[in-house]
């Protein structure tokens, strides 16, 4: 074990439900992309993560929503030309943070954010999205009509010639293998190559476990109904046309709300057309054509919220891998196993401070560091033994967790953040006025000001 006071590793986007996936499919044509600020060259797409890390560590440049940028290589080539002979400040948002890229404390360090706030960047992303979609649609149309396709079945020795849809139909009808409807798929040849590679390497398509022989694999997929691809594996996203639409619609209400508004408007129009003086006096009219009140209409807008709440992920312990479906049971686990009273320890903190505490502990444990003394351990088991022996289970000191970076979650699907109590006096009467401390608001504004725009050119 080693001890370090100010070492901060850069964490990728994490998820509790994330599973490691192996890709045996040949990647798209490799391309050599030069760094936007130096002459270093990276091989894409294999070195994409190294490229982005290099931009941050060496040049303090971050590309916003990089995972949503289609045709990333073309995007980088465009900005490589634009940055030639220009300073980053001309195109990027400037941010001031109180730390270096490696996490060492510092004062007013400049960082640069390249995002679609800039009209030129927004237009570029929009055009790349459009080109990406057009290429996929052209390929989709070709695959629907091309009759020169020939391939041996993945299961039997039958050779299917003609349309690709006939091959997919054969897989479903004869072997119950579900890859998707032809009208929803694109780049079918690559999809079939990936599926075939998995089967040849004895990897289950759904759970992605590896088996000792082909007969065991086939028996497993048959009994478990695993003759379908894993919907949580994002490597399959590029084979479905649905994923080529714009992922960030602007200035549009949520889909659920639009549907609710359409239903309400249609019902009101129907009632208006049918209603007449004679029908209005009928006792059965209101039964068959009830007119919804404004309160009912507003309640229906929360239907999507209730549906999402029902799909909440399990709650994960802050210190170990224990999981519970109910938050109250998880609190009992932390008290019994780690001697941490979650509610009492957070007593007196406001909502934003609680967010920082949870994100701080998550990050420390993820980096295998003690939350109290910052001691670095070799693995999770030794970390738990250390914190138990030294009685270091807890949330650390305010100096450790009260930093702006802990506003951001360590795990994307951390359900614990969804149940933090932002109003500890919920049992108060509705007539009681709640007052937010001016000191708290001043601190929040101060943190936000550190991340504010500075000298941003809009043209």
Protein backbone atom coordinates (compact mmCIF):
# COMPACT_ATOMS: atom_id res chain seq x y z
CA UNK A 1 0.00 0.00 0.00
CA UNK A 2 1.15 3.52 -0.75
CA UNK A 3 0.10 6.86 0.64
CA UNK A 4 -0.46 9.97 -1.47
CA UNK A 5 -2.11 13.20 -0.45
CA UNK A 6 -2.95 14.87 -3.75
CA UNK A 7 -2.97 12.22 -6.44
CA UNK A 8 -6.17 12.16 -8.45
CA UNK A 9 -6.70 9.76 -11.30
CA UNK A 10 -8.98 10.60 -14.20
CA UNK A 11 -11.99 8.31 -14.19
CA UNK A 12 -13.95 7.36 -17.31
CA UNK A 13 -17.75 7.31 -17.29
CA UNK A 14 -18.65 4.49 -14.90
CA UNK A 15 -21.82 2.54 -14.33
CA UNK A 16 -22.76 -0.04 -11.68
CA UNK A 17 -24.47 -2.12 -14.37
CA UNK A 18 -21.50 -1.87 -16.72
CA UNK A 19 -20.18 -5.20 -17.94
CA UNK A 20 -16.96 -5.80 -19.80
CA UNK A 21 -17.52 -6.57 -23.45
CA UNK A 22 -15.15 -7.96 -26.03
CA UNK A 23 -15.36 -6.99 -29.65
CA UNK A 24 -14.21 -9.49 -32.22
CA UNK A 25 -15.67 -7.50 -35.08
CA UNK A 26 -13.23 -5.79 -37.39
CA UNK A 27 -13.22 -2.07 -36.64
CA UNK A 28 -13.90 0.55 -39.29
CA UNK A 29 -11.02 1.64 -41.50
CA UNK A 30 -8.23 2.82 -39.13
CA UNK A 31 -7.23 6.47 -39.46
CA UNK A 32 -4.27 8.42 -38.16
CA UNK A 33 -5.40 11.60 -36.41
CA UNK A 34 -2.99 14.29 -35.27
CA UNK A 35 -3.44 16.03 -31.94
CA UNK A 36 -5.27 19.36 -32.15
CA UNK A 37 -2.40 21.19 -30.43
CA UNK A 38 0.79 19.23 -31.14
CA UNK A 39 2.29 16.85 -33.68
CA UNK A 40 1.52 13.65 -31.81
CA UNK A 41 -0.46 11.14 -33.93
CA UNK A 42 -2.98 8.54 -32.76
CA UNK A 43 -4.58 5.57 -34.49
CA UNK A 44 -8.39 5.78 -34.55
CA UNK A 45 -10.63 4.31 -33.33
CA UNK A 46 -8.31 2.14 -31.21
CA UNK A 47 -6.52 5.04 -29.49
CA UNK A 48 -9.54 7.31 -29.06
CA UNK A 49 -9.45 7.24 -25.25
CA UNK A 50 -5.69 7.90 -25.20
CA UNK A 51 -6.21 10.80 -27.60
CA UNK A 52 -8.87 12.43 -25.41
CA UNK A 53 -6.79 11.88 -22.26
CA UNK A 54 -3.79 13.49 -23.98
CA UNK A 55 -5.87 16.56 -24.88
CA UNK A 56 -6.87 17.00 -21.23
CA UNK A 57 -3.58 16.21 -19.52
CA UNK A 58 -1.25 18.00 -21.91
CA UNK A 59 -3.39 20.79 -23.35
CA UNK A 60 -6.24 21.08 -20.80
CA UNK A 61 -8.76 20.77 -23.61
CA UNK A 62 -12.06 18.90 -23.18
CA UNK A 63 -14.53 18.12 -25.97
CA UNK A 64 -18.11 18.25 -24.66
CA UNK A 65 -20.44 15.27 -25.30
CA UNK A 66 -17.73 13.50 -27.27
CA UNK A 67 -19.58 10.17 -27.17
CA UNK A 68 -22.51 11.75 -29.04
CA UNK A 69 -20.39 13.06 -31.92
CA UNK A 70 -20.84 10.94 -35.04
CA UNK A 71 -17.86 10.58 -37.40
CA UNK A 72 -15.48 11.77 -34.68
CA UNK A 73 -12.45 11.49 -36.96
CA UNK A 74 -13.93 14.01 -39.40
CA UNK A 75 -14.83 16.29 -36.50
CA UNK A 76 -11.22 16.28 -35.23
CA UNK A 77 -9.77 16.82 -38.71
CA UNK A 78 -11.99 19.88 -39.14
CA UNK A 79 -10.89 21.44 -35.84
CA UNK A 80 -7.26 20.59 -36.53
CA UNK A 81 -7.47 22.86 -39.57
CA UNK A 82 -9.37 25.56 -37.66
CA UNK A 83 -6.95 25.63 -34.73
CA UNK A 84 -3.94 26.07 -37.00
CA UNK A 85 -2.71 29.60 -36.42
CA UNK A 86 -5.38 30.37 -33.81
CA UNK A 87 -5.47 30.33 -30.02
CA UNK A 88 -7.85 28.07 -28.12
CA UNK A 89 -9.59 31.09 -26.59
CA UNK A 90 -10.99 32.04 -30.00
CA UNK A 91 -13.16 28.92 -30.17
CA UNK A 92 -13.33 27.42 -26.68
CA UNK A 93 -15.03 28.31 -23.44
CA UNK A 94 -12.44 29.19 -20.80
CA UNK A 95 -12.89 27.79 -17.29
CA UNK A 96 -10.89 28.50 -14.15
CA UNK A 97 -10.37 25.60 -11.75
CA UNK A 98 -8.35 25.33 -8.57
CA UNK A 99 -6.35 22.27 -9.52
CA UNK A 100 -3.94 20.93 -12.13
CA UNK A 101 -4.93 18.08 -14.50
CA UNK A 102 -3.25 15.56 -12.16
CA UNK A 103 -5.34 16.81 -9.22
CA UNK A 104 -2.64 18.89 -7.52
CA UNK A 105 -4.19 21.96 -5.87
CA UNK A 106 -3.53 25.24 -7.64
CA UNK A 107 -5.18 28.59 -8.19
CA UNK A 108 -7.10 29.80 -11.26
CA UNK A 109 -5.81 27.19 -13.69
CA UNK A 110 -7.18 27.64 -17.21
CA UNK A 111 -9.07 24.84 -18.95
CA UNK A 112 -10.78 24.91 -22.33
CA UNK A 113 -14.12 23.40 -23.34
CA UNK A 114 -14.98 22.84 -27.00
CA UNK A 115 -18.75 22.52 -27.21
CA UNK A 116 -21.74 23.22 -29.43
CA UNK A 117 -22.33 26.51 -27.63
CA UNK A 118 -20.14 27.86 -30.42
CA UNK A 119 -22.37 28.22 -33.54
CA UNK A 120 -19.63 26.84 -35.80
CA UNK A 121 -19.28 23.72 -33.64
CA UNK A 122 -23.06 23.28 -33.45
CA UNK A 123 -23.34 23.46 -37.23
CA UNK A 124 -20.47 21.00 -37.65
CA UNK A 125 -22.04 18.45 -35.31
CA UNK A 126 -25.41 18.88 -37.01
CA UNK A 127 -23.88 18.30 -40.46
CA UNK A 128 -21.93 15.26 -39.29
CA UNK A 129 -25.09 13.83 -37.77
CA UNK A 130 -26.90 14.40 -41.05
CA UNK A 131 -24.09 12.79 -43.07
CA UNK A 132 -23.96 9.87 -40.67
CA UNK A 133 -27.68 9.28 -41.07
CA UNK A 134 -27.56 9.63 -44.88
CA UNK A 135 -24.79 7.04 -45.13
CA UNK A 136 -26.69 4.64 -42.91
CA UNK A 137 -29.92 5.10 -44.90
CA UNK A 138 -28.10 4.54 -48.19
CA UNK A 139 -26.54 1.35 -46.83
CA UNK A 140 -29.92 0.27 -45.42
CA UNK A 141 -31.63 0.73 -48.79
CA UNK A 142 -28.87 -1.25 -50.52
CA UNK A 143 -29.19 -4.14 -48.07
CA UNK A 144 -32.97 -4.30 -48.48
CA UNK A 145 -32.77 -4.62 -52.27
CA UNK A 146 -29.44 -6.36 -52.97
CA UNK A 147 -30.03 -9.91 -54.25
CA UNK A 148 -26.36 -10.87 -54.63
CA UNK A 149 -26.05 -11.86 -50.98
CA UNK A 150 -24.80 -15.40 -50.27
CA UNK A 151 -23.87 -16.84 -46.88
CA UNK A 152 -23.79 -20.16 -45.08
CA UNK A 153 -26.08 -20.39 -42.05
CA UNK A 154 -24.46 -19.76 -38.68
CA UNK A 155 -25.97 -22.97 -37.27
CA UNK A 156 -26.54 -25.44 -40.08
CA UNK A 157 -24.90 -26.04 -43.45
CA UNK A 158 -27.66 -24.42 -45.50
CA UNK A 159 -26.51 -21.73 -47.90
CA UNK A 160 -28.95 -18.85 -48.29
CA UNK A 161 -28.79 -16.68 -51.38
CA UNK A 162 -30.83 -13.65 -52.33
CA UNK A 163 -31.92 -11.00 -49.86
CA UNK A 164 -30.39 -10.51 -46.43
CA UNK A 165 -33.90 -10.49 -44.99
CA UNK A 166 -34.29 -14.11 -46.12
CA UNK A 167 -31.13 -15.04 -44.22
CA UNK A 168 -32.43 -13.37 -41.04
CA UNK A 169 -35.79 -15.05 -41.53
CA UNK A 170 -34.05 -18.44 -41.84
CA UNK A 171 -32.16 -17.83 -38.57
CA UNK A 172 -35.39 -17.01 -36.79
CA UNK A 173 -37.69 -19.68 -38.26
CA UNK A 174 -35.23 -22.57 -38.20
CA UNK A 175 -33.01 -21.76 -35.22
CA UNK A 176 -35.05 -19.19 -33.23
CA UNK A 177 -32.13 -16.74 -33.35
CA UNK A 178 -33.44 -13.18 -32.99
CA UNK A 179 -31.16 -10.48 -34.39
CA UNK A 180 -33.84 -7.95 -35.28
CA UNK A 181 -36.17 -7.09 -38.13
CA UNK A 182 -34.46 -6.30 -41.46
CA UNK A 183 -36.28 -2.96 -41.70
CA UNK A 184 -34.66 -1.89 -38.41
CA UNK A 185 -31.11 -3.09 -39.13
CA UNK A 186 -28.17 -1.62 -41.02
CA UNK A 187 -24.66 -2.93 -41.75
CA UNK A 188 -26.11 -6.43 -41.54
CA UNK A 189 -22.97 -8.09 -42.94
CA UNK A 190 -20.88 -6.70 -40.08
CA UNK A 191 -23.54 -7.71 -37.55
CA UNK A 192 -23.53 -11.28 -38.85
CA UNK A 193 -19.72 -11.33 -38.79
CA UNK A 194 -19.73 -10.24 -35.14
CA UNK A 195 -22.35 -12.84 -34.19
CA UNK A 196 -20.47 -15.55 -36.07
CA UNK A 197 -17.20 -14.58 -34.37
CA UNK A 198 -18.84 -14.82 -30.94
CA UNK A 199 -20.27 -18.25 -31.70
CA UNK A 200 -16.93 -19.50 -33.04
CA UNK A 201 -15.24 -18.27 -29.87
CA UNK A 202 -17.91 -20.03 -27.77
CA UNK A 203 -19.32 -16.76 -26.38
CA UNK A 204 -23.02 -16.55 -25.53
CA UNK A 205 -24.68 -13.74 -27.51
CA UNK A 206 -26.80 -12.50 -24.60
CA UNK A 207 -24.91 -13.01 -21.32
CA UNK A 208 -21.50 -13.12 -23.09
CA UNK A 209 -20.16 -15.96 -20.97
CA UNK A 210 -17.51 -18.23 -22.50
CA UNK A 211 -18.17 -22.00 -22.67
CA UNK A 212 -15.89 -24.99 -23.08
CA UNK A 213 -17.40 -26.39 -26.29
CA UNK A 214 -20.03 -25.63 -28.93
CA UNK A 215 -22.58 -28.17 -27.73
CA UNK A 216 -22.54 -26.71 -24.20
CA UNK A 217 -22.95 -23.22 -25.63
CA UNK A 218 -25.90 -24.24 -27.82
CA UNK A 219 -27.60 -26.03 -24.92
CA UNK A 220 -27.10 -22.98 -22.67
CA UNK A 221 -28.53 -20.55 -25.25
CA UNK A 222 -31.50 -22.85 -25.84
CA UNK A 223 -32.40 -23.40 -22.18
CA UNK A 224 -31.84 -19.80 -21.10
CA UNK A 225 -33.53 -18.32 -24.18
CA UNK A 226 -30.29 -16.46 -24.95
CA UNK A 227 -30.64 -16.69 -28.72
CA UNK A 228 -30.61 -12.91 -29.02
CA UNK A 229 -28.05 -10.16 -28.73
CA UNK A 230 -27.31 -8.33 -25.51
CA UNK A 231 -29.29 -5.05 -25.48
CA UNK A 232 -26.88 -3.56 -22.92
CA UNK A 233 -23.84 -4.02 -25.16
CA UNK A 234 -23.40 -0.67 -26.90
CA UNK A 235 -21.23 -2.23 -29.59
CA UNK A 236 -24.48 -3.34 -31.25
CA UNK A 237 -25.92 0.19 -31.34
CA UNK A 238 -24.48 0.97 -34.77
CA UNK A 239 -26.47 -1.88 -36.32
CA UNK A 240 -29.88 -0.35 -35.49
CA UNK A 241 -31.26 2.57 -37.47
CA UNK A 242 -32.95 3.98 -34.38
CA UNK A 243 -29.55 4.99 -32.99
CA UNK A 244 -28.74 7.21 -35.97
CA UNK A 245 -31.34 9.83 -35.15
CA UNK A 246 -30.34 13.05 -33.42
CA UNK A 247 -29.59 12.19 -29.79
CA UNK A 248 -29.90 15.77 -28.54
CA UNK A 249 -33.08 17.38 -29.87
CA UNK A 250 -33.12 21.09 -29.11
CA UNK A 251 -36.07 23.15 -27.93
CA UNK A 252 -38.48 20.23 -27.93
CA UNK A 253 -40.59 19.07 -24.97
CA UNK A 254 -40.06 15.52 -23.68
CA UNK A 255 -41.73 12.76 -25.70
CA UNK A 256 -43.92 11.69 -22.78
CA UNK A 257 -45.21 15.21 -22.28
CA UNK A 258 -45.93 15.67 -25.99
CA UNK A 259 -47.98 12.47 -26.01
CA UNK A 260 -49.88 13.58 -22.91
CA UNK A 261 -50.68 16.94 -24.48
CA UNK A 262 -51.87 15.28 -27.69
CA UNK A 263 -54.13 12.89 -25.77
CA UNK A 264 -55.61 15.73 -23.72
CA UNK A 265 -56.21 17.89 -26.80
CA UNK A 266 -57.80 15.02 -28.75
CA UNK A 267 -60.12 14.17 -25.86
CA UNK A 268 -61.21 17.78 -25.45
CA UNK A 269 -61.93 18.08 -29.17
CA UNK A 270 -63.93 14.85 -29.14
CA UNK A 271 -66.03 16.03 -26.21
CA UNK A 272 -66.60 19.41 -27.87
CA UNK A 273 -67.83 17.77 -31.08
CA UNK A 274 -70.17 15.33 -29.37
CA UNK A 275 -71.57 17.68 -26.72
CA UNK A 276 -74.99 19.18 -27.45
CA UNK A 277 -77.77 20.74 -25.30
CA UNK A 278 -79.72 17.48 -25.38
CA UNK A 279 -76.71 15.34 -24.47
CA UNK A 280 -75.58 17.77 -21.83
CA UNK A 281 -78.73 17.11 -19.84
CA UNK A 282 -78.34 13.34 -20.09
CA UNK A 283 -77.18 11.68 -16.85
CA UNK A 284 -75.15 9.15 -18.88
CA UNK A 285 -73.21 11.73 -20.85
CA UNK A 286 -70.68 12.54 -18.16
CA UNK A 287 -70.17 8.82 -17.57
CA UNK A 288 -69.28 8.13 -21.19
CA UNK A 289 -67.54 11.42 -21.97
CA UNK A 290 -65.96 12.69 -18.76
CA UNK A 291 -64.31 16.10 -18.99
CA UNK A 292 -60.99 16.00 -17.19
CA UNK A 293 -60.25 18.79 -14.76
CA UNK A 294 -57.08 20.87 -14.90
CA UNK A 295 -55.72 19.06 -11.84
CA UNK A 296 -56.23 15.67 -13.52
CA UNK A 297 -54.42 16.88 -16.62
CA UNK A 298 -51.50 18.12 -14.55
CA UNK A 299 -51.35 14.82 -12.66
CA UNK A 300 -51.08 12.87 -15.91
CA UNK A 301 -47.91 14.74 -16.78
CA UNK A 302 -46.22 12.81 -13.96
CA UNK A 303 -46.94 9.39 -15.51
CA UNK A 304 -43.48 9.21 -17.06
CA UNK A 305 -41.93 10.12 -13.70
CA UNK A 306 -43.70 7.23 -11.96
CA UNK A 307 -42.63 4.87 -14.70
CA UNK A 308 -39.00 5.92 -14.36
CA UNK A 309 -39.12 5.54 -10.58
CA UNK A 310 -40.24 1.95 -11.01
CA UNK A 311 -37.10 1.24 -13.03
CA UNK A 312 -34.62 2.60 -10.45
CA UNK A 313 -31.42 0.60 -10.17
CA UNK A 314 -30.53 -1.24 -6.95
CA UNK A 315 -28.79 0.73 -4.21
CA UNK A 316 -25.07 0.04 -3.87
CA UNK A 317 -23.18 0.24 -0.59
CA UNK A 318 -20.72 3.13 -0.34
CA UNK A 319 -17.88 0.90 0.85
CA UNK A 320 -18.37 -2.62 -0.51
CA UNK A 321 -20.16 -4.41 -3.36
CA UNK A 322 -23.29 -5.15 -1.35
CA UNK A 323 -26.54 -4.20 -3.12
CA UNK A 324 -30.12 -3.84 -1.93
CA UNK A 325 -33.38 -3.11 -3.69
CA UNK A 326 -34.57 -0.88 -0.84
CA UNK A 327 -32.73 2.12 0.57
CA UNK A 328 -33.80 1.44 4.18
CA UNK A 329 -32.28 -2.05 4.07
CA UNK A 330 -29.04 -0.65 2.65
CA UNK A 331 -28.80 1.83 5.53
CA UNK A 332 -29.16 -1.06 7.99
CA UNK A 333 -26.39 -2.91 6.15
CA UNK A 334 -23.99 0.06 6.40
CA UNK A 335 -24.77 0.47 10.09
CA UNK A 336 -24.34 -3.23 10.92
CA UNK A 337 -21.34 -3.96 8.67
CA UNK A 338 -19.42 -0.68 8.54
CA UNK A 339 -20.74 1.05 11.70
CA UNK A 340 -21.89 4.04 9.64
CA UNK A 341 -25.23 5.64 10.47
CA UNK A 342 -26.00 7.21 7.10
CA UNK A 343 -28.74 9.56 8.26
CA UNK A 344 -26.97 10.73 11.42
CA UNK A 345 -23.67 11.30 9.63
CA UNK A 346 -25.33 13.57 7.06
CA UNK A 347 -27.44 15.41 9.64
CA UNK A 348 -27.07 19.17 9.35
CA UNK A 349 -25.81 19.09 5.75
CA UNK A 350 -27.80 20.68 2.96
CA UNK A 351 -28.74 18.85 -0.21
CA UNK A 352 -25.70 19.96 -2.23
CA UNK A 353 -23.29 19.01 0.54
CA UNK A 354 -24.85 15.54 0.71
CA UNK A 355 -24.31 15.17 -3.04
CA UNK A 356 -20.63 16.07 -2.60
CA UNK A 357 -20.19 13.61 0.28
CA UNK A 358 -21.63 10.65 -1.64
CA UNK A 359 -19.64 11.43 -4.79
CA UNK A 360 -16.44 11.87 -2.74
CA UNK A 361 -16.79 8.48 -1.04
CA UNK A 362 -17.67 6.79 -4.34
CA UNK A 363 -14.59 8.23 -6.01
CA UNK A 364 -12.22 7.33 -3.16
CA UNK A 365 -13.44 3.72 -3.03
CA UNK A 366 -13.29 3.46 -6.82
CA UNK A 367 -9.65 4.58 -6.70
CA UNK A 368 -9.05 2.17 -3.78
CA UNK A 369 -8.21 5.01 -1.39
CA UNK A 370 -9.23 5.35 2.25
CA UNK A 371 -11.95 7.96 2.65
CA UNK A 372 -10.34 9.27 5.84
CA UNK A 373 -6.54 9.10 5.45
CA UNK A 374 -6.35 8.80 1.64
CA UNK A 375 -4.15 5.69 1.90
CA UNK A 376 -3.86 3.84 -1.43
CA UNK A 377 -4.48 0.07 -1.28
CA UNK A 378 -3.75 -2.65 -3.81
CA UNK A 379 -7.28 -4.02 -4.01
CA UNK A 380 -10.77 -3.61 -2.53
CA UNK A 381 -10.32 -6.34 0.05
CA UNK A 382 -7.23 -4.68 1.55
CA UNK A 383 -8.97 -1.33 1.50
CA UNK A 384 -11.88 -2.73 3.51
CA UNK A 385 -9.50 -4.41 5.98
CA UNK A 386 -7.60 -1.15 6.44
CA UNK A 387 -10.71 0.97 7.05
CA UNK A 388 -12.10 -1.64 9.44
CA UNK A 389 -8.85 -1.93 11.40
CA UNK A 390 -8.34 1.83 11.64
CA UNK A 391 -12.06 2.58 12.02
CA UNK A 392 -11.85 4.85 9.01
CA UNK A 393 -15.34 4.15 7.70
CA UNK A 394 -17.04 7.48 7.37
CA UNK A 395 -17.22 10.45 5.04
CA UNK A 396 -13.87 12.16 5.63
CA UNK A 397 -13.56 15.83 6.56
CA UNK A 398 -15.34 18.77 4.96
CA UNK A 399 -12.00 19.96 3.60
CA UNK A 400 -11.71 16.69 1.67
CA UNK A 401 -15.18 16.56 0.08
CA UNK A 402 -16.26 20.20 -0.14
CA UNK A 403 -14.95 20.76 -3.69
CA UNK A 404 -16.82 21.67 -6.90
CA UNK A 405 -15.72 18.50 -8.71
CA UNK A 406 -17.84 16.40 -6.34
CA UNK A 407 -21.01 17.93 -7.73
CA UNK A 408 -20.54 15.39 -10.54
CA UNK A 409 -21.37 11.69 -9.95
CA UNK A 410 -18.70 9.00 -10.08
CA UNK A 411 -21.25 6.49 -11.38
CA UNK A 412 -23.86 7.44 -13.95
CA UNK A 413 -26.56 5.22 -12.43
CA UNK A 414 -25.95 5.87 -8.72
CA UNK A 415 -29.44 5.44 -7.26
CA UNK A 416 -28.26 6.71 -3.89
CA UNK A 417 -28.14 10.24 -5.31
CA UNK A 418 -31.84 10.01 -6.19
CA UNK A 419 -33.00 9.47 -2.61
CA UNK A 420 -30.95 12.08 -0.78
CA UNK A 421 -33.32 14.19 1.27
CA UNK A 422 -33.34 17.79 0.00
CA UNK A 423 -36.02 18.86 2.49
CA UNK A 424 -35.29 17.37 5.95
CA UNK A 425 -38.45 18.95 7.45
CA UNK A 426 -41.00 17.24 5.22
CA UNK A 427 -43.26 16.69 8.21
CA UNK A 428 -43.79 20.46 8.56
CA UNK A 429 -47.13 22.00 7.68
CA UNK A 430 -47.64 23.38 4.19
CA UNK A 431 -48.05 26.85 5.69
CA UNK A 432 -44.52 26.89 7.12
CA UNK A 433 -42.11 28.96 5.04
CA UNK A 434 -38.71 27.34 4.46
CA UNK A 435 -35.75 29.71 4.27
CA UNK A 436 -32.53 28.81 2.44
CA UNK A 437 -29.43 30.08 4.18
CA UNK A 438 -27.76 32.99 2.41
CA UNK A 439 -24.36 31.50 3.28
CA UNK A 440 -25.29 28.29 1.48
CA UNK A 441 -26.50 30.15 -1.62
CA UNK A 442 -23.39 32.32 -1.60
CA UNK A 443 -21.17 29.22 -1.56
CA UNK A 444 -23.13 27.64 -4.43
CA UNK A 445 -22.84 30.83 -6.47
CA UNK A 446 -19.13 30.99 -5.70
CA UNK A 447 -18.62 27.41 -6.93
CA UNK A 448 -20.63 28.10 -10.07
CA UNK A 449 -18.64 31.26 -10.76
CA UNK A 450 -15.43 29.25 -10.88
CA UNK A 451 -16.84 27.27 -13.80
CA UNK A 452 -18.34 30.29 -15.59
CA UNK A 453 -17.50 31.47 -19.11
CA UNK A 454 -14.63 33.86 -19.54
CA UNK A 455 -14.01 36.03 -22.64
CA UNK A 456 -16.03 33.70 -24.88
CA UNK A 457 -16.23 34.93 -28.52
CA UNK A 458 -19.64 34.30 -30.06
CA UNK A 459 -18.48 34.80 -33.64
